[in-house]
Amino acid sequence: MASAVDEVRTERPAAPSGERQGVGAGRGFALLLVVTGFAGLLASWVITLDKFHLLEDPNFTPACSLNPVISCGSIMESDQASAFGFPNPMLGLVAYGSVITIGAGLLSGARYRRWFWLGLQGGTLFGVGFCTWLQYQSLYEINALCLWCCLAWVATIVMFWYTTVHNVRQGVLRAPSGVRSALDEFHWLLPAVHVGIIGMLILTRWWDFWTS
């Protein structure tokens, strides 16, 4: 009997014609895209609303500004919060909404071409890279954390790694059989380590504050 974790794995291609017909995904991976997309969308929506409130009233204090470290307001008022000339969460509204749509399509049986999966891979790679830059800025330049941003970071990391696992297993990304087997068996390890490293950086960055 398959374990609950197996549901996140995606079925292997059955025939060479799969590339011509498109590549689908298992229910677990499709649900993962919907859930992580929704988490990121929720975070982006809340941050966007708070950003508008700040623009209307400079004295507005977001609900997630709890102390000098967990201070969403400090993040929103920084230059890094508009890296492309507009508020970062507006990009998230589009990106995470698109991921939800893709996941919903997979749940209904959609099959996408290889170029589409490569596009999703590139998009999630950009997302996790952008989140990494934001993490560095948050920890070492702005010196504050935003809880909603943290939710978006985790959602993007999980989304990226499981998209990578799916694409390797389906042959969208070429990899040796040993790598495919390792990802199949330990698909949870990479996202867990990635999130764990960020957690340790946050813990050590403000160790005196957490322990005081």
N, C-alpha and C. Protein backbone atom coordinates (compact mmCIF):
# COMPACT_ATOMS: atom_id res chain seq x y z
N MET A 1 0.85 -1.20 0.00
CA MET A 1 0.00 0.00 0.00
C MET A 1 0.89 1.24 0.00
N ALA A 2 0.58 2.21 -0.85
CA ALA A 2 1.38 3.42 -0.96
C ALA A 2 1.22 4.27 0.29
N SER A 3 2.29 4.90 0.70
CA SER A 3 2.23 5.78 1.85
C SER A 3 1.69 7.14 1.43
N ALA A 4 1.41 7.97 2.44
CA ALA A 4 0.89 9.30 2.15
C ALA A 4 1.91 10.12 1.37
N VAL A 5 3.21 9.87 1.66
CA VAL A 5 4.25 10.62 0.96
C VAL A 5 4.26 10.28 -0.52
N ASP A 6 3.93 9.03 -0.86
CA ASP A 6 3.95 8.62 -2.25
C ASP A 6 3.02 9.44 -3.12
N GLU A 7 1.97 10.01 -2.51
CA GLU A 7 1.02 10.77 -3.29
C GLU A 7 1.64 12.02 -3.90
N VAL A 8 2.74 12.49 -3.31
CA VAL A 8 3.40 13.67 -3.85
C VAL A 8 4.22 13.31 -5.07
N ARG A 9 4.59 12.04 -5.19
CA ARG A 9 5.36 11.59 -6.33
C ARG A 9 4.47 11.57 -7.57
N THR A 10 5.09 11.74 -8.70
CA THR A 10 4.34 11.78 -9.95
C THR A 10 4.63 10.53 -10.76
N GLU A 11 3.65 10.12 -11.56
CA GLU A 11 3.82 8.88 -12.30
C GLU A 11 4.92 9.00 -13.33
N ARG A 12 5.61 7.89 -13.61
CA ARG A 12 6.67 7.89 -14.61
C ARG A 12 6.04 7.85 -16.00
N PRO A 13 6.74 8.42 -17.01
CA PRO A 13 6.18 8.38 -18.36
C PRO A 13 6.04 6.95 -18.84
N ALA A 14 4.91 6.63 -19.45
CA ALA A 14 4.63 5.27 -19.85
C ALA A 14 5.18 4.93 -21.22
N ALA A 15 5.35 5.93 -22.10
CA ALA A 15 5.77 5.65 -23.45
C ALA A 15 6.42 6.89 -24.04
N PRO A 16 7.26 6.72 -25.09
CA PRO A 16 7.89 7.86 -25.72
C PRO A 16 6.89 8.87 -26.26
N SER A 17 5.69 8.44 -26.57
CA SER A 17 4.69 9.35 -27.11
C SER A 17 4.23 10.37 -26.07
N GLY A 18 4.62 10.17 -24.79
CA GLY A 18 4.20 11.08 -23.74
C GLY A 18 4.64 12.51 -23.98
N GLU A 19 5.84 12.67 -24.61
CA GLU A 19 6.32 14.02 -24.85
C GLU A 19 5.46 14.73 -25.87
N ARG A 20 4.96 13.96 -26.86
CA ARG A 20 4.10 14.57 -27.88
C ARG A 20 2.74 14.90 -27.29
N GLN A 21 2.26 14.05 -26.40
CA GLN A 21 0.94 14.24 -25.83
C GLN A 21 0.95 15.20 -24.64
N GLY A 22 2.11 15.48 -24.11
CA GLY A 22 2.21 16.32 -22.92
C GLY A 22 2.43 15.47 -21.68
N VAL A 23 2.86 16.11 -20.62
CA VAL A 23 3.17 15.43 -19.36
C VAL A 23 2.20 15.90 -18.28
N GLY A 24 1.57 14.94 -17.63
CA GLY A 24 0.66 15.25 -16.54
C GLY A 24 1.37 15.14 -15.21
N ALA A 25 0.62 15.00 -14.15
CA ALA A 25 1.21 14.88 -12.81
C ALA A 25 0.24 14.15 -11.90
N GLY A 26 0.79 13.55 -10.85
CA GLY A 26 -0.03 12.89 -9.86
C GLY A 26 -0.84 13.88 -9.05
N ARG A 27 -1.86 13.38 -8.39
CA ARG A 27 -2.75 14.24 -7.61
C ARG A 27 -2.01 14.96 -6.47
N GLY A 28 -1.05 14.26 -5.86
CA GLY A 28 -0.32 14.86 -4.75
C GLY A 28 0.46 16.09 -5.17
N PHE A 29 1.18 16.00 -6.29
CA PHE A 29 1.96 17.14 -6.76
C PHE A 29 1.05 18.29 -7.18
N ALA A 30 -0.06 17.95 -7.84
CA ALA A 30 -1.01 18.99 -8.24
C ALA A 30 -1.57 19.73 -7.02
N LEU A 31 -1.92 18.97 -5.99
CA LEU A 31 -2.42 19.60 -4.76
C LEU A 31 -1.34 20.45 -4.10
N LEU A 32 -0.10 19.97 -4.15
CA LEU A 32 0.99 20.74 -3.57
C LEU A 32 1.13 22.09 -4.25
N LEU A 33 0.99 22.12 -5.58
CA LEU A 33 1.05 23.39 -6.30
C LEU A 33 -0.09 24.32 -5.88
N VAL A 34 -1.28 23.75 -5.73
CA VAL A 34 -2.43 24.56 -5.33
C VAL A 34 -2.22 25.12 -3.92
N VAL A 35 -1.78 24.27 -3.00
CA VAL A 35 -1.62 24.69 -1.60
C VAL A 35 -0.50 25.73 -1.45
N THR A 36 0.66 25.46 -2.04
CA THR A 36 1.76 26.42 -1.93
C THR A 36 1.44 27.70 -2.69
N GLY A 37 0.74 27.57 -3.82
CA GLY A 37 0.33 28.77 -4.54
C GLY A 37 -0.63 29.61 -3.73
N PHE A 38 -1.56 28.94 -3.05
CA PHE A 38 -2.52 29.67 -2.21
C PHE A 38 -1.82 30.34 -1.04
N ALA A 39 -0.85 29.64 -0.43
CA ALA A 39 -0.11 30.23 0.70
C ALA A 39 0.64 31.49 0.25
N GLY A 40 1.30 31.39 -0.90
CA GLY A 40 2.01 32.55 -1.41
C GLY A 40 1.08 33.68 -1.80
N LEU A 41 -0.07 33.32 -2.39
CA LEU A 41 -1.05 34.33 -2.79
C LEU A 41 -1.62 35.05 -1.56
N LEU A 42 -1.91 34.29 -0.52
CA LEU A 42 -2.42 34.89 0.72
C LEU A 42 -1.41 35.87 1.30
N ALA A 43 -0.15 35.45 1.36
CA ALA A 43 0.89 36.33 1.89
C ALA A 43 1.02 37.59 1.05
N SER A 44 1.01 37.43 -0.27
CA SER A 44 1.14 38.58 -1.16
C SER A 44 -0.03 39.53 -1.02
N TRP A 45 -1.23 38.97 -0.87
CA TRP A 45 -2.43 39.79 -0.74
C TRP A 45 -2.40 40.63 0.55
N VAL A 46 -2.05 39.99 1.66
CA VAL A 46 -2.01 40.71 2.94
C VAL A 46 -0.94 41.80 2.91
N ILE A 47 0.23 41.48 2.37
CA ILE A 47 1.30 42.47 2.31
C ILE A 47 0.91 43.64 1.41
N THR A 48 0.25 43.33 0.29
CA THR A 48 -0.20 44.39 -0.62
C THR A 48 -1.18 45.33 0.07
N LEU A 49 -2.15 44.76 0.79
CA LEU A 49 -3.12 45.59 1.50
C LEU A 49 -2.43 46.48 2.54
N ASP A 50 -1.50 45.88 3.29
CA ASP A 50 -0.79 46.67 4.31
C ASP A 50 0.08 47.75 3.67
N LYS A 51 0.64 47.45 2.50
CA LYS A 51 1.45 48.45 1.80
C LYS A 51 0.58 49.64 1.40
N PHE A 52 -0.62 49.38 0.90
CA PHE A 52 -1.53 50.46 0.54
C PHE A 52 -1.92 51.28 1.77
N HIS A 53 -2.14 50.59 2.89
CA HIS A 53 -2.46 51.30 4.14
C HIS A 53 -1.31 52.21 4.56
N LEU A 54 -0.08 51.73 4.38
CA LEU A 54 1.08 52.54 4.73
C LEU A 54 1.20 53.77 3.83
N LEU A 55 0.87 53.59 2.55
CA LEU A 55 0.92 54.73 1.63
C LEU A 55 -0.12 55.78 2.00
N GLU A 56 -1.27 55.30 2.48
CA GLU A 56 -2.34 56.23 2.87
C GLU A 56 -2.05 56.90 4.21
N ASP A 57 -1.44 56.13 5.11
CA ASP A 57 -1.18 56.64 6.46
C ASP A 57 0.21 56.19 6.91
N PRO A 58 1.19 57.08 6.86
CA PRO A 58 2.56 56.71 7.25
C PRO A 58 2.67 56.21 8.69
N ASN A 59 1.68 56.51 9.51
CA ASN A 59 1.70 56.06 10.91
C ASN A 59 1.05 54.69 11.11
N PHE A 60 0.58 54.10 10.02
CA PHE A 60 -0.08 52.79 10.11
C PHE A 60 0.93 51.74 10.56
N THR A 61 0.50 50.87 11.46
CA THR A 61 1.35 49.77 11.94
C THR A 61 0.71 48.44 11.55
N PRO A 62 1.35 47.66 10.68
CA PRO A 62 0.80 46.36 10.28
C PRO A 62 0.64 45.44 11.48
N ALA A 63 -0.34 44.57 11.41
CA ALA A 63 -0.62 43.66 12.52
C ALA A 63 0.55 42.72 12.81
N CYS A 64 1.38 42.47 11.79
CA CYS A 64 2.49 41.54 11.99
C CYS A 64 3.76 42.24 12.47
N SER A 65 3.67 43.52 12.78
CA SER A 65 4.81 44.22 13.40
C SER A 65 4.70 44.03 14.91
N LEU A 66 5.40 43.02 15.41
CA LEU A 66 5.23 42.60 16.80
C LEU A 66 6.32 43.12 17.73
N ASN A 67 7.52 43.31 17.20
CA ASN A 67 8.64 43.76 18.01
C ASN A 67 9.73 44.29 17.07
N PRO A 68 10.88 44.70 17.59
CA PRO A 68 11.92 45.26 16.71
C PRO A 68 12.43 44.29 15.64
N VAL A 69 12.34 43.00 15.88
CA VAL A 69 12.81 42.02 14.90
C VAL A 69 11.70 41.63 13.94
N ILE A 70 10.59 41.19 14.46
CA ILE A 70 9.45 40.83 13.61
C ILE A 70 8.67 42.11 13.34
N SER A 71 9.09 42.78 12.28
CA SER A 71 8.56 44.11 11.98
C SER A 71 8.26 44.21 10.49
N CYS A 72 7.05 43.87 10.11
CA CYS A 72 6.66 43.92 8.70
C CYS A 72 6.74 45.34 8.15
N GLY A 73 6.43 46.32 9.00
CA GLY A 73 6.48 47.70 8.56
C GLY A 73 7.86 48.11 8.10
N SER A 74 8.89 47.67 8.81
CA SER A 74 10.27 47.99 8.42
C SER A 74 10.61 47.42 7.05
N ILE A 75 10.12 46.21 6.79
CA ILE A 75 10.35 45.59 5.49
C ILE A 75 9.63 46.36 4.39
N MET A 76 8.36 46.68 4.62
CA MET A 76 7.54 47.33 3.59
C MET A 76 8.04 48.72 3.23
N GLU A 77 8.67 49.41 4.18
CA GLU A 77 9.16 50.76 3.95
C GLU A 77 10.56 50.79 3.35
N SER A 78 11.18 49.63 3.18
CA SER A 78 12.54 49.57 2.65
C SER A 78 12.54 49.69 1.12
N ASP A 79 13.69 50.07 0.57
CA ASP A 79 13.83 50.13 -0.89
C ASP A 79 13.72 48.75 -1.52
N GLN A 80 14.17 47.73 -0.80
CA GLN A 80 14.13 46.36 -1.33
C GLN A 80 12.71 45.85 -1.53
N ALA A 81 11.73 46.48 -0.88
CA ALA A 81 10.34 46.04 -1.00
C ALA A 81 9.74 46.36 -2.36
N SER A 82 10.45 47.17 -3.14
CA SER A 82 10.01 47.49 -4.51
C SER A 82 11.19 47.30 -5.45
N ALA A 83 11.68 46.08 -5.53
CA ALA A 83 12.91 45.80 -6.27
C ALA A 83 12.80 46.11 -7.76
N PHE A 84 11.59 46.02 -8.31
CA PHE A 84 11.40 46.24 -9.75
C PHE A 84 10.64 47.54 -10.04
N GLY A 85 10.58 48.40 -9.06
CA GLY A 85 9.90 49.67 -9.26
C GLY A 85 8.45 49.67 -8.83
N PHE A 86 7.95 48.55 -8.38
CA PHE A 86 6.60 48.43 -7.83
C PHE A 86 6.66 47.45 -6.67
N PRO A 87 5.67 47.46 -5.78
CA PRO A 87 5.72 46.57 -4.61
C PRO A 87 5.91 45.10 -5.00
N ASN A 88 6.87 44.44 -4.37
CA ASN A 88 7.16 43.04 -4.67
C ASN A 88 5.94 42.13 -4.60
N PRO A 89 5.04 42.29 -3.61
CA PRO A 89 3.90 41.37 -3.52
C PRO A 89 2.96 41.42 -4.73
N MET A 90 3.00 42.50 -5.50
CA MET A 90 2.17 42.55 -6.70
C MET A 90 2.65 41.53 -7.73
N LEU A 91 3.96 41.31 -7.76
CA LEU A 91 4.51 40.24 -8.60
C LEU A 91 4.05 38.89 -8.08
N GLY A 92 4.01 38.76 -6.75
CA GLY A 92 3.55 37.51 -6.14
C GLY A 92 2.11 37.21 -6.45
N LEU A 93 1.26 38.24 -6.51
CA LEU A 93 -0.15 38.01 -6.82
C LEU A 93 -0.31 37.33 -8.18
N VAL A 94 0.49 37.76 -9.14
CA VAL A 94 0.43 37.17 -10.49
C VAL A 94 1.06 35.78 -10.50
N ALA A 95 2.26 35.67 -9.92
CA ALA A 95 3.00 34.41 -9.97
C ALA A 95 2.29 33.29 -9.22
N TYR A 96 1.89 33.55 -7.98
CA TYR A 96 1.24 32.50 -7.19
C TYR A 96 -0.14 32.17 -7.75
N GLY A 97 -0.83 33.18 -8.27
CA GLY A 97 -2.12 32.90 -8.90
C GLY A 97 -1.97 31.99 -10.10
N SER A 98 -0.89 32.17 -10.87
CA SER A 98 -0.62 31.31 -12.02
C SER A 98 -0.34 29.88 -11.59
N VAL A 99 0.40 29.73 -10.49
CA VAL A 99 0.71 28.38 -10.00
C VAL A 99 -0.56 27.66 -9.56
N ILE A 100 -1.46 28.38 -8.90
CA ILE A 100 -2.74 27.77 -8.52
C ILE A 100 -3.49 27.29 -9.75
N THR A 101 -3.49 28.10 -10.80
CA THR A 101 -4.17 27.73 -12.04
C THR A 101 -3.56 26.48 -12.65
N ILE A 102 -2.23 26.40 -12.65
CA ILE A 102 -1.55 25.22 -13.19
C ILE A 102 -1.91 23.98 -12.37
N GLY A 103 -1.86 24.10 -11.05
CA GLY A 103 -2.21 22.97 -10.20
C GLY A 103 -3.64 22.52 -10.39
N ALA A 104 -4.56 23.48 -10.52
CA ALA A 104 -5.97 23.14 -10.74
C ALA A 104 -6.14 22.42 -12.08
N GLY A 105 -5.39 22.87 -13.08
CA GLY A 105 -5.45 22.20 -14.38
C GLY A 105 -4.97 20.76 -14.29
N LEU A 106 -3.88 20.53 -13.55
CA LEU A 106 -3.37 19.17 -13.38
C LEU A 106 -4.37 18.30 -12.64
N LEU A 107 -5.05 18.86 -11.66
CA LEU A 107 -6.06 18.10 -10.93
C LEU A 107 -7.20 17.66 -11.84
N SER A 108 -7.47 18.45 -12.86
CA SER A 108 -8.56 18.11 -13.79
C SER A 108 -8.07 17.27 -14.96
N GLY A 109 -6.79 16.86 -14.92
CA GLY A 109 -6.28 15.96 -15.94
C GLY A 109 -5.48 16.61 -17.04
N ALA A 110 -5.12 17.87 -16.90
CA ALA A 110 -4.36 18.56 -17.95
C ALA A 110 -2.97 17.95 -18.09
N ARG A 111 -2.47 17.99 -19.32
CA ARG A 111 -1.11 17.54 -19.60
C ARG A 111 -0.41 18.66 -20.36
N TYR A 112 0.78 19.00 -19.92
CA TYR A 112 1.48 20.14 -20.49
C TYR A 112 2.72 19.69 -21.25
N ARG A 113 3.06 20.45 -22.27
CA ARG A 113 4.24 20.15 -23.09
C ARG A 113 5.53 20.39 -22.30
N ARG A 114 6.62 19.84 -22.84
CA ARG A 114 7.90 19.96 -22.14
C ARG A 114 8.30 21.42 -21.97
N TRP A 115 8.08 22.26 -22.98
CA TRP A 115 8.46 23.67 -22.88
C TRP A 115 7.71 24.36 -21.74
N PHE A 116 6.47 23.91 -21.50
CA PHE A 116 5.67 24.50 -20.42
C PHE A 116 6.29 24.16 -19.07
N TRP A 117 6.67 22.89 -18.91
CA TRP A 117 7.28 22.46 -17.65
C TRP A 117 8.63 23.15 -17.44
N LEU A 118 9.39 23.35 -18.53
CA LEU A 118 10.65 24.08 -18.41
C LEU A 118 10.39 25.53 -18.01
N GLY A 119 9.30 26.10 -18.52
CA GLY A 119 8.93 27.45 -18.12
C GLY A 119 8.59 27.53 -16.64
N LEU A 120 7.84 26.53 -16.15
CA LEU A 120 7.52 26.49 -14.72
C LEU A 120 8.78 26.31 -13.89
N GLN A 121 9.70 25.47 -14.40
CA GLN A 121 10.97 25.27 -13.70
C GLN A 121 11.74 26.58 -13.61
N GLY A 122 11.81 27.29 -14.74
CA GLY A 122 12.51 28.56 -14.74
C GLY A 122 11.85 29.59 -13.84
N GLY A 123 10.52 29.60 -13.85
CA GLY A 123 9.79 30.54 -13.01
C GLY A 123 10.01 30.29 -11.53
N THR A 124 9.96 29.03 -11.13
CA THR A 124 10.18 28.71 -9.71
C THR A 124 11.64 28.93 -9.32
N LEU A 125 12.56 28.71 -10.28
CA LEU A 125 13.98 28.99 -10.01
C LEU A 125 14.19 30.48 -9.77
N PHE A 126 13.57 31.30 -10.62
CA PHE A 126 13.64 32.74 -10.41
C PHE A 126 13.04 33.11 -9.06
N GLY A 127 11.91 32.50 -8.73
CA GLY A 127 11.24 32.79 -7.47
C GLY A 127 12.10 32.47 -6.27
N VAL A 128 12.73 31.29 -6.29
CA VAL A 128 13.54 30.90 -5.13
C VAL A 128 14.82 31.74 -5.08
N GLY A 129 15.34 32.13 -6.25
CA GLY A 129 16.50 33.01 -6.26
C GLY A 129 16.17 34.40 -5.72
N PHE A 130 15.02 34.92 -6.11
CA PHE A 130 14.58 36.23 -5.63
C PHE A 130 14.33 36.18 -4.12
N CYS A 131 13.73 35.08 -3.66
CA CYS A 131 13.50 34.92 -2.22
C CYS A 131 14.82 34.87 -1.46
N THR A 132 15.82 34.22 -2.04
CA THR A 132 17.13 34.15 -1.39
C THR A 132 17.73 35.54 -1.23
N TRP A 133 17.60 36.35 -2.28
CA TRP A 133 18.08 37.74 -2.21
C TRP A 133 17.32 38.51 -1.13
N LEU A 134 16.01 38.34 -1.09
CA LEU A 134 15.19 39.02 -0.08
C LEU A 134 15.55 38.55 1.33
N GLN A 135 15.86 37.27 1.47
CA GLN A 135 16.24 36.75 2.78
C GLN A 135 17.52 37.42 3.26
N TYR A 136 18.50 37.53 2.36
CA TYR A 136 19.76 38.19 2.73
C TYR A 136 19.51 39.65 3.11
N GLN A 137 18.71 40.33 2.30
CA GLN A 137 18.41 41.74 2.58
C GLN A 137 17.70 41.89 3.92
N SER A 138 16.77 41.00 4.18
CA SER A 138 15.99 41.06 5.42
C SER A 138 16.87 40.84 6.64
N LEU A 139 17.73 39.82 6.58
CA LEU A 139 18.53 39.46 7.74
C LEU A 139 19.71 40.40 7.98
N TYR A 140 20.37 40.85 6.89
CA TYR A 140 21.66 41.53 7.07
C TYR A 140 21.68 42.99 6.62
N GLU A 141 20.64 43.45 5.95
CA GLU A 141 20.59 44.85 5.53
C GLU A 141 19.46 45.61 6.24
N ILE A 142 18.25 45.06 6.18
CA ILE A 142 17.10 45.72 6.82
C ILE A 142 17.05 45.40 8.31
N ASN A 143 17.55 44.22 8.67
CA ASN A 143 17.58 43.78 10.07
C ASN A 143 16.18 43.64 10.67
N ALA A 144 15.30 43.02 9.92
CA ALA A 144 13.94 42.77 10.40
C ALA A 144 13.34 41.61 9.62
N LEU A 145 12.30 41.02 10.19
CA LEU A 145 11.61 39.90 9.56
C LEU A 145 10.14 40.26 9.33
N CYS A 146 9.60 39.73 8.25
CA CYS A 146 8.16 39.84 7.98
C CYS A 146 7.60 38.42 7.96
N LEU A 147 6.65 38.13 8.84
CA LEU A 147 6.11 36.77 8.93
C LEU A 147 5.42 36.35 7.64
N TRP A 148 4.70 37.26 7.00
CA TRP A 148 4.05 36.92 5.73
C TRP A 148 5.08 36.64 4.65
N CYS A 149 6.19 37.38 4.69
CA CYS A 149 7.27 37.10 3.74
C CYS A 149 7.83 35.70 3.97
N CYS A 150 7.98 35.33 5.24
CA CYS A 150 8.49 34.00 5.56
C CYS A 150 7.58 32.91 5.02
N LEU A 151 6.26 33.13 5.09
CA LEU A 151 5.32 32.17 4.53
C LEU A 151 5.52 32.04 3.03
N ALA A 152 5.70 33.17 2.35
CA ALA A 152 5.93 33.15 0.91
C ALA A 152 7.24 32.46 0.58
N TRP A 153 8.27 32.67 1.40
CA TRP A 153 9.55 32.01 1.17
C TRP A 153 9.40 30.49 1.22
N VAL A 154 8.77 30.01 2.28
CA VAL A 154 8.60 28.56 2.44
C VAL A 154 7.78 27.98 1.29
N ALA A 155 6.71 28.66 0.92
CA ALA A 155 5.87 28.18 -0.18
C ALA A 155 6.67 28.09 -1.47
N THR A 156 7.49 29.10 -1.75
CA THR A 156 8.28 29.12 -2.98
C THR A 156 9.34 28.03 -2.97
N ILE A 157 9.98 27.83 -1.84
CA ILE A 157 11.02 26.80 -1.73
C ILE A 157 10.43 25.41 -1.98
N VAL A 158 9.33 25.10 -1.31
CA VAL A 158 8.69 23.79 -1.49
C VAL A 158 8.24 23.63 -2.94
N MET A 159 7.65 24.67 -3.49
CA MET A 159 7.19 24.65 -4.88
C MET A 159 8.34 24.37 -5.85
N PHE A 160 9.46 25.05 -5.65
CA PHE A 160 10.62 24.89 -6.53
C PHE A 160 11.17 23.47 -6.48
N TRP A 161 11.40 22.96 -5.28
CA TRP A 161 12.05 21.65 -5.17
C TRP A 161 11.15 20.53 -5.68
N TYR A 162 9.85 20.61 -5.42
CA TYR A 162 8.98 19.54 -5.90
C TYR A 162 8.72 19.66 -7.39
N THR A 163 8.79 20.86 -7.95
CA THR A 163 8.73 21.00 -9.40
C THR A 163 9.97 20.37 -10.02
N THR A 164 11.12 20.58 -9.38
CA THR A 164 12.37 19.98 -9.86
C THR A 164 12.29 18.46 -9.80
N VAL A 165 11.81 17.92 -8.69
CA VAL A 165 11.66 16.46 -8.55
C VAL A 165 10.74 15.92 -9.64
N HIS A 166 9.62 16.58 -9.85
CA HIS A 166 8.67 16.14 -10.88
C HIS A 166 9.33 16.14 -12.25
N ASN A 167 10.03 17.21 -12.59
CA ASN A 167 10.62 17.32 -13.92
C ASN A 167 11.75 16.33 -14.14
N VAL A 168 12.51 16.03 -13.10
CA VAL A 168 13.56 15.01 -13.22
C VAL A 168 12.93 13.64 -13.41
N ARG A 169 11.94 13.32 -12.64
CA ARG A 169 11.31 12.00 -12.71
C ARG A 169 10.60 11.79 -14.05
N GLN A 170 10.06 12.85 -14.61
CA GLN A 170 9.34 12.74 -15.87
C GLN A 170 10.25 12.85 -17.09
N GLY A 171 11.53 13.12 -16.87
CA GLY A 171 12.45 13.25 -17.99
C GLY A 171 12.46 14.62 -18.62
N VAL A 172 11.74 15.57 -18.04
CA VAL A 172 11.78 16.94 -18.56
C VAL A 172 13.18 17.51 -18.35
N LEU A 173 13.77 17.23 -17.19
CA LEU A 173 15.17 17.55 -16.92
C LEU A 173 15.95 16.24 -16.96
N ARG A 174 16.97 16.18 -17.78
CA ARG A 174 17.76 14.97 -17.92
C ARG A 174 18.64 14.77 -16.69
N ALA A 175 18.66 13.56 -16.17
CA ALA A 175 19.48 13.25 -15.00
C ALA A 175 19.78 11.75 -15.00
N PRO A 176 20.93 11.35 -14.44
CA PRO A 176 21.26 9.92 -14.34
C PRO A 176 20.21 9.18 -13.52
N SER A 177 20.12 7.88 -13.76
CA SER A 177 19.12 7.07 -13.06
C SER A 177 19.33 7.10 -11.55
N GLY A 178 20.59 7.19 -11.12
CA GLY A 178 20.87 7.25 -9.68
C GLY A 178 20.30 8.50 -9.04
N VAL A 179 20.37 9.62 -9.76
CA VAL A 179 19.81 10.87 -9.24
C VAL A 179 18.30 10.77 -9.17
N ARG A 180 17.69 10.18 -10.21
CA ARG A 180 16.23 10.02 -10.21
C ARG A 180 15.78 9.14 -9.05
N SER A 181 16.52 8.07 -8.81
CA SER A 181 16.16 7.17 -7.71
C SER A 181 16.29 7.86 -6.36
N ALA A 182 17.37 8.64 -6.21
CA ALA A 182 17.58 9.35 -4.94
C ALA A 182 16.47 10.37 -4.70
N LEU A 183 16.09 11.11 -5.74
CA LEU A 183 15.02 12.09 -5.60
C LEU A 183 13.69 11.42 -5.32
N ASP A 184 13.51 10.25 -5.90
CA ASP A 184 12.27 9.51 -5.68
C ASP A 184 12.16 9.06 -4.23
N GLU A 185 13.29 8.65 -3.67
CA GLU A 185 13.29 8.11 -2.31
C GLU A 185 13.33 9.22 -1.25
N PHE A 186 14.10 10.27 -1.53
CA PHE A 186 14.30 11.33 -0.53
C PHE A 186 13.82 12.68 -1.06
N HIS A 187 12.65 12.69 -1.67
CA HIS A 187 12.13 13.92 -2.27
C HIS A 187 11.88 15.01 -1.24
N TRP A 188 11.71 14.63 0.01
CA TRP A 188 11.43 15.59 1.08
C TRP A 188 12.69 16.26 1.61
N LEU A 189 13.86 15.67 1.33
CA LEU A 189 15.09 16.09 2.00
C LEU A 189 15.54 17.49 1.58
N LEU A 190 15.55 17.77 0.28
CA LEU A 190 16.06 19.05 -0.20
C LEU A 190 15.25 20.24 0.32
N PRO A 191 13.91 20.21 0.19
CA PRO A 191 13.16 21.34 0.76
C PRO A 191 13.30 21.45 2.27
N ALA A 192 13.39 20.30 2.96
CA ALA A 192 13.53 20.33 4.42
C ALA A 192 14.86 20.96 4.82
N VAL A 193 15.94 20.57 4.13
CA VAL A 193 17.26 21.14 4.43
C VAL A 193 17.29 22.63 4.10
N HIS A 194 16.71 22.99 2.96
CA HIS A 194 16.69 24.39 2.53
C HIS A 194 15.98 25.28 3.57
N VAL A 195 14.79 24.86 3.97
CA VAL A 195 14.04 25.63 4.98
C VAL A 195 14.77 25.60 6.32
N GLY A 196 15.37 24.46 6.65
CA GLY A 196 16.10 24.35 7.91
C GLY A 196 17.28 25.30 7.98
N ILE A 197 17.99 25.46 6.87
CA ILE A 197 19.13 26.38 6.84
C ILE A 197 18.67 27.82 7.09
N ILE A 198 17.57 28.20 6.45
CA ILE A 198 17.03 29.55 6.65
C ILE A 198 16.62 29.74 8.11
N GLY A 199 15.98 28.71 8.67
CA GLY A 199 15.58 28.79 10.07
C GLY A 199 16.78 28.97 10.99
N MET A 200 17.88 28.25 10.71
CA MET A 200 19.08 28.38 11.53
C MET A 200 19.71 29.76 11.38
N LEU A 201 19.70 30.31 10.16
CA LEU A 201 20.23 31.66 9.95
C LEU A 201 19.43 32.69 10.74
N ILE A 202 18.11 32.54 10.72
CA ILE A 202 17.26 33.46 11.47
C ILE A 202 17.52 33.32 12.97
N LEU A 203 17.66 32.07 13.42
CA LEU A 203 17.90 31.82 14.85
C LEU A 203 19.21 32.43 15.31
N THR A 204 20.28 32.23 14.54
CA THR A 204 21.59 32.72 14.94
C THR A 204 21.73 34.23 14.74
N ARG A 205 21.03 34.77 13.72
CA ARG A 205 21.14 36.21 13.45
C ARG A 205 20.66 37.03 14.64
N TRP A 206 19.59 36.60 15.28
CA TRP A 206 19.04 37.35 16.41
C TRP A 206 19.03 36.50 17.68
N TRP A 207 20.10 35.73 17.87
CA TRP A 207 20.16 34.82 19.00
C TRP A 207 20.00 35.55 20.33
N ASP A 208 20.65 36.68 20.47
CA ASP A 208 20.55 37.43 21.73
C ASP A 208 19.12 37.89 21.99
N PHE A 209 18.42 38.27 20.93
CA PHE A 209 17.04 38.72 21.09
C PHE A 209 16.13 37.57 21.48
N TRP A 210 16.29 36.41 20.79
CA TRP A 210 15.43 35.26 21.09
C TRP A 210 15.64 34.74 22.51
N THR A 211 16.87 34.83 22.99
CA THR A 211 17.19 34.24 24.30
C THR A 211 17.10 35.25 25.45
N SER A 212 16.79 36.49 25.16
CA SER A 212 16.73 37.50 26.22
C SER A 212 15.37 37.48 26.91
